[in-house]
Amino acid sequence: MESIETDDLGTGGRGGIQVIARAAALLRALEGQAEGLSLGAIARAIDLPRSTVQRLVAALEAEGLVETGPGGTRLGPAILRLASGVHGDLAAVARPHLEQLAKDTEETVCLIHGQGTALSIVHAIVSSQELRVAPMPENLLQIHTTSAGKVLLAALPDDSVGTLLPASLPRLTAHTLSDRAALFAELAQVRQEGFAYDREEHVTGVCAVATRLHAPGGLYALCVLAPSFRFEPALDRLRAGLIACRQAIERSCGL
């Protein structure tokens, strides 16, 4: 009987399962690392020898799942294409629940995806009220000033948040938290309560509340945006609507 030879990555039987697990761990280590990580940093993050990490990176790079640049190794274009498909599928699943949330709250609702410090709007429904909030262009969204951004930052450990954020936090309004210590204290509260708030921190006159959505394909948030004068009186209703919407989407995703 012929035997199957494997190297230290493993290519058959139990070793094949092991190499898939190692590759998955490597990809998870690169999540949110827009500038990339060195081979040594990846090796420390997933507790593997640097030589093994180097061979894994070479194999994943050949498939377009990672790419190597001046800053190190980061997620590649094939991952982004796969993620795009996931976003489309999630938007289709979430749409009826977002429509119900918009109907219940009578305010603008958004499904937001986070990657590093970038926020992208997967789907949005704008309020039909005469005075309403329209979502900002994605390239103008600042992660530390938005409710969705803060709830996604709170999903990460503080050391990762510290690495992601610039040393000096841009101040967009008089209410923006530009002090890193104050922001970290707020993120600790978000982790306890499950909700993050933007009280005129991103745009004067606009408030928002968000909660994290557990869904396949990365970090997502659900948020409701409202003019500041309507926000506080309706906050309990907005939070209840977000919880119901989140639970409905997660059930539809089989979670």
Protein backbone atom coordinates (compact mmCIF):
# COMPACT_ATOMS: atom_id res chain seq x y z
CA MET A 1 0.00 0.00 0.00
CA GLU A 2 1.35 3.41 -0.95
CA SER A 3 1.76 5.98 1.80
CA ILE A 4 0.96 9.66 1.40
CA GLU A 5 3.94 11.86 2.08
CA THR A 6 3.30 15.25 3.68
CA ASP A 7 5.50 18.20 4.58
CA ASP A 8 5.04 20.20 7.78
CA LEU A 9 2.04 21.97 6.26
CA GLY A 10 0.23 18.69 5.75
CA THR A 11 -1.37 17.85 2.39
CA GLY A 12 -3.46 14.74 2.97
CA GLY A 13 -5.79 13.17 5.52
CA ARG A 14 -5.57 14.78 8.92
CA GLY A 15 -2.70 16.94 7.67
CA GLY A 16 -4.96 18.35 4.97
CA ILE A 17 -7.45 19.46 7.61
CA GLN A 18 -4.61 21.00 9.59
CA VAL A 19 -3.32 23.06 6.68
CA ILE A 20 -6.82 24.42 6.04
CA ALA A 21 -7.11 25.39 9.71
CA ARG A 22 -3.72 27.09 9.57
CA ALA A 23 -4.61 28.99 6.41
CA ALA A 24 -7.89 30.10 8.00
CA ALA A 25 -6.03 31.30 11.09
CA LEU A 26 -3.65 33.27 8.89
CA LEU A 27 -6.52 34.94 7.02
CA ARG A 28 -8.24 35.82 10.32
CA ALA A 29 -4.98 37.37 11.57
CA LEU A 30 -4.99 39.68 8.52
CA GLU A 31 -8.58 40.84 9.08
CA GLY A 32 -8.61 44.59 9.57
CA GLN A 33 -4.88 44.93 8.81
CA ALA A 34 -5.15 47.29 5.86
CA GLU A 35 -1.42 48.04 5.86
CA GLY A 36 -0.49 44.38 6.15
CA LEU A 37 1.58 42.35 8.62
CA SER A 38 5.14 41.05 8.39
CA LEU A 39 5.71 37.30 8.28
CA GLY A 40 7.13 37.49 11.79
CA ALA A 41 4.04 39.29 13.09
CA ILE A 42 1.75 36.72 11.47
CA ALA A 43 3.83 33.88 12.93
CA ARG A 44 3.47 35.35 16.42
CA ALA A 45 -0.25 35.98 15.96
CA ILE A 46 -1.05 32.38 14.96
CA ASP A 47 1.79 30.65 16.87
CA LEU A 48 3.46 28.96 13.90
CA PRO A 49 7.08 28.89 12.70
CA ARG A 50 7.99 31.70 10.31
CA SER A 51 9.02 29.17 7.66
CA THR A 52 5.56 27.57 7.78
CA VAL A 53 3.89 30.98 7.55
CA GLN A 54 6.07 31.84 4.55
CA ARG A 55 4.92 28.72 2.68
CA LEU A 56 1.27 29.36 3.62
CA VAL A 57 1.52 32.94 2.36
CA ALA A 58 3.08 31.76 -0.92
CA ALA A 59 0.26 29.24 -1.47
CA LEU A 60 -2.48 31.77 -0.60
CA GLU A 61 -0.86 34.47 -2.72
CA ALA A 62 -0.88 32.15 -5.74
CA GLU A 63 -4.68 31.96 -5.37
CA GLY A 64 -5.10 35.71 -4.87
CA LEU A 65 -6.29 35.27 -1.29
CA VAL A 66 -3.44 37.39 0.09
CA GLU A 67 -1.00 39.85 -1.44
CA THR A 68 2.37 41.12 -0.31
CA GLY A 69 3.40 44.76 -0.51
CA PRO A 70 5.81 47.18 1.16
CA GLY A 71 3.88 47.08 4.44
CA GLY A 72 3.70 43.29 4.56
CA THR A 73 1.05 40.71 3.74
CA ARG A 74 -2.62 41.70 3.59
CA LEU A 75 -5.88 40.19 2.33
CA GLY A 76 -5.92 39.86 -1.45
CA PRO A 77 -8.36 40.64 -4.26
CA ALA A 78 -9.92 37.17 -4.31
CA ILE A 79 -11.00 37.60 -0.68
CA LEU A 80 -12.50 40.98 -1.54
CA ARG A 81 -14.47 39.46 -4.43
CA LEU A 82 -15.76 36.71 -2.15
CA ALA A 83 -16.65 39.28 0.51
CA SER A 84 -18.53 41.32 -2.09
CA GLY A 85 -20.67 38.28 -2.84
CA VAL A 86 -21.34 37.79 0.86
CA HIS A 87 -22.42 41.45 1.17
CA GLY A 88 -24.86 40.99 -1.70
CA ASP A 89 -26.32 37.85 -0.16
CA LEU A 90 -26.59 39.49 3.26
CA ALA A 91 -28.27 42.57 1.78
CA ALA A 92 -30.90 40.36 0.16
CA VAL A 93 -31.53 38.55 3.45
CA ALA A 94 -31.54 41.75 5.50
CA ARG A 95 -33.62 43.95 3.19
CA PRO A 96 -37.14 43.00 4.40
CA HIS A 97 -36.05 43.32 8.03
CA LEU A 98 -34.44 46.72 7.37
CA GLU A 99 -37.65 47.82 5.66
CA GLN A 100 -39.61 46.78 8.73
CA LEU A 101 -37.19 48.68 10.99
CA ALA A 102 -37.55 51.79 8.81
CA LYS A 103 -41.34 51.46 8.97
CA ASP A 104 -41.34 50.99 12.75
CA THR A 105 -38.98 53.86 13.51
CA GLU A 106 -39.89 56.18 10.61
CA GLU A 107 -36.20 57.05 10.41
CA THR A 108 -33.28 56.26 8.11
CA VAL A 109 -31.70 52.84 8.68
CA CYS A 110 -28.39 51.44 7.41
CA LEU A 111 -26.55 48.14 7.27
CA ILE A 112 -22.84 48.95 7.56
CA HIS A 113 -19.75 46.81 6.95
CA GLY A 114 -16.39 47.61 8.50
CA GLN A 115 -12.94 46.72 7.14
CA GLY A 116 -10.06 48.31 8.99
CA THR A 117 -10.97 51.99 9.36
CA ALA A 118 -13.17 51.92 6.24
CA LEU A 119 -16.94 51.83 6.55
CA SER A 120 -19.14 50.80 3.62
CA ILE A 121 -22.92 51.06 3.36
CA VAL A 122 -24.25 47.63 2.33
CA HIS A 123 -27.88 48.80 2.24
CA ALA A 124 -29.75 51.91 3.35
CA ILE A 125 -33.38 52.98 3.52
CA VAL A 126 -33.95 56.72 3.80
CA SER A 127 -36.80 58.01 5.96
CA SER A 128 -39.87 59.32 4.16
CA GLN A 129 -40.38 62.11 6.71
CA GLU A 130 -40.13 65.67 5.42
CA LEU A 131 -37.08 66.37 7.60
CA ARG A 132 -34.86 63.29 7.33
CA VAL A 133 -31.24 62.15 7.37
CA ALA A 134 -29.57 60.84 4.22
CA PRO A 135 -26.43 58.65 4.61
CA MET A 136 -23.10 60.36 3.99
CA PRO A 137 -20.83 59.27 1.11
CA GLU A 138 -18.75 56.31 2.30
CA ASN A 139 -15.40 58.07 1.81
CA LEU A 140 -16.49 60.76 4.31
CA LEU A 141 -17.42 58.39 7.14
CA GLN A 142 -15.04 58.64 10.10
CA ILE A 143 -15.04 55.42 12.13
CA HIS A 144 -14.50 57.09 15.53
CA THR A 145 -17.35 59.58 15.09
CA THR A 146 -20.19 57.33 13.89
CA SER A 147 -22.37 55.00 15.92
CA ALA A 148 -21.74 52.14 13.46
CA GLY A 149 -18.01 52.78 13.52
CA LYS A 150 -17.85 52.78 17.30
CA VAL A 151 -19.89 49.58 17.67
CA LEU A 152 -17.50 47.86 15.22
CA LEU A 153 -14.43 49.23 17.00
CA ALA A 154 -15.87 47.86 20.26
CA ALA A 155 -15.83 44.37 18.70
CA LEU A 156 -12.01 44.56 18.63
CA PRO A 157 -9.56 44.46 21.55
CA ASP A 158 -8.19 47.81 22.66
CA ASP A 159 -4.69 47.13 21.31
CA SER A 160 -6.11 46.48 17.83
CA VAL A 161 -8.21 49.65 18.05
CA GLY A 162 -5.13 51.62 19.07
CA THR A 163 -3.25 50.32 16.04
CA LEU A 164 -6.09 51.11 13.64
CA LEU A 165 -6.76 54.69 14.73
CA PRO A 166 -4.49 57.63 13.88
CA ALA A 167 -2.53 59.21 16.69
CA SER A 168 -4.59 62.39 16.32
CA LEU A 169 -8.34 61.84 15.96
CA PRO A 170 -9.98 64.31 13.53
CA ARG A 171 -12.53 66.60 15.16
CA LEU A 172 -15.57 67.06 12.90
CA THR A 173 -17.96 68.92 15.21
CA ALA A 174 -17.91 70.48 18.67
CA HIS A 175 -19.17 67.12 20.02
CA THR A 176 -16.58 64.84 18.39
CA LEU A 177 -14.51 62.70 20.78
CA SER A 178 -10.96 63.57 19.76
CA ASP A 179 -9.34 62.27 22.97
CA ARG A 180 -8.25 58.63 22.62
CA ALA A 181 -8.69 57.88 26.34
CA ALA A 182 -12.28 59.18 26.26
CA LEU A 183 -12.99 57.11 23.15
CA PHE A 184 -11.60 53.95 24.76
CA ALA A 185 -13.78 54.57 27.82
CA GLU A 186 -16.82 54.91 25.58
CA LEU A 187 -15.93 51.68 23.72
CA ALA A 188 -15.80 49.85 27.06
CA GLN A 189 -19.35 51.05 27.75
CA VAL A 190 -20.45 49.95 24.25
CA ARG A 191 -19.15 46.43 24.98
CA GLN A 192 -21.27 46.34 28.15
CA GLU A 193 -24.48 47.79 26.73
CA GLY A 194 -24.36 46.55 23.13
CA PHE A 195 -25.20 49.98 21.67
CA ALA A 196 -23.07 52.85 20.37
CA TYR A 197 -24.17 56.44 19.88
CA ASP A 198 -23.36 59.41 17.70
CA ARG A 199 -24.77 62.52 19.30
CA GLU A 200 -23.89 65.14 16.69
CA GLU A 201 -20.29 63.89 16.59
CA HIS A 202 -20.16 63.36 12.83
CA VAL A 203 -22.59 66.00 11.55
CA THR A 204 -24.17 68.81 13.58
CA GLY A 205 -27.89 68.22 13.99
CA VAL A 206 -27.71 64.47 13.26
CA CYS A 207 -27.71 61.63 15.83
CA ALA A 208 -27.55 57.85 15.46
CA VAL A 209 -27.64 54.63 17.47
CA ALA A 210 -26.12 51.33 16.34
CA THR A 211 -25.74 47.73 17.41
CA ARG A 212 -23.49 45.00 16.07
CA LEU A 213 -24.94 42.40 13.70
CA HIS A 214 -23.45 38.91 13.89
CA ALA A 215 -23.36 37.71 10.29
CA PRO A 216 -20.96 35.79 8.06
CA GLY A 217 -18.39 37.76 6.09
CA GLY A 218 -16.90 40.17 8.62
CA LEU A 219 -17.98 42.96 10.95
CA TYR A 220 -21.42 44.50 10.43
CA ALA A 221 -23.53 47.07 12.24
CA LEU A 222 -27.17 48.15 12.09
CA CYS A 223 -27.89 51.80 12.77
CA VAL A 224 -30.77 54.25 12.85
CA LEU A 225 -30.12 57.91 12.02
CA ALA A 226 -32.39 60.79 13.02
CA PRO A 227 -32.40 64.57 13.37
CA SER A 228 -31.15 65.46 16.84
CA PHE A 229 -34.47 66.98 17.98
CA ARG A 230 -36.28 63.64 17.35
CA PHE A 231 -33.53 61.36 18.61
CA GLU A 232 -33.60 61.41 22.43
CA PRO A 233 -37.43 61.20 22.82
CA ALA A 234 -37.47 58.14 20.52
CA LEU A 235 -34.30 56.44 21.75
CA ASP A 236 -35.96 53.57 23.65
CA ARG A 237 -38.08 52.78 20.60
CA LEU A 238 -35.05 52.96 18.29
CA ARG A 239 -33.06 50.55 20.47
CA ALA A 240 -35.97 48.10 20.67
CA GLY A 241 -36.35 48.24 16.89
CA LEU A 242 -32.65 47.58 16.37
CA ILE A 243 -32.75 44.54 18.66
CA ALA A 244 -35.77 43.09 16.84
CA CYS A 245 -34.17 43.73 13.44
CA ARG A 246 -30.83 42.23 14.48
CA GLN A 247 -32.47 39.10 15.86
CA ALA A 248 -34.61 38.67 12.74
CA ILE A 249 -31.60 38.97 10.40
CA GLU A 250 -29.49 36.61 12.49
CA ARG A 251 -32.32 34.04 12.48
CA SER A 252 -32.57 34.38 8.71
CA CYS A 253 -28.81 33.75 8.50
CA GLY A 254 -29.24 30.58 10.56
CA LEU A 255 -27.38 31.97 13.58
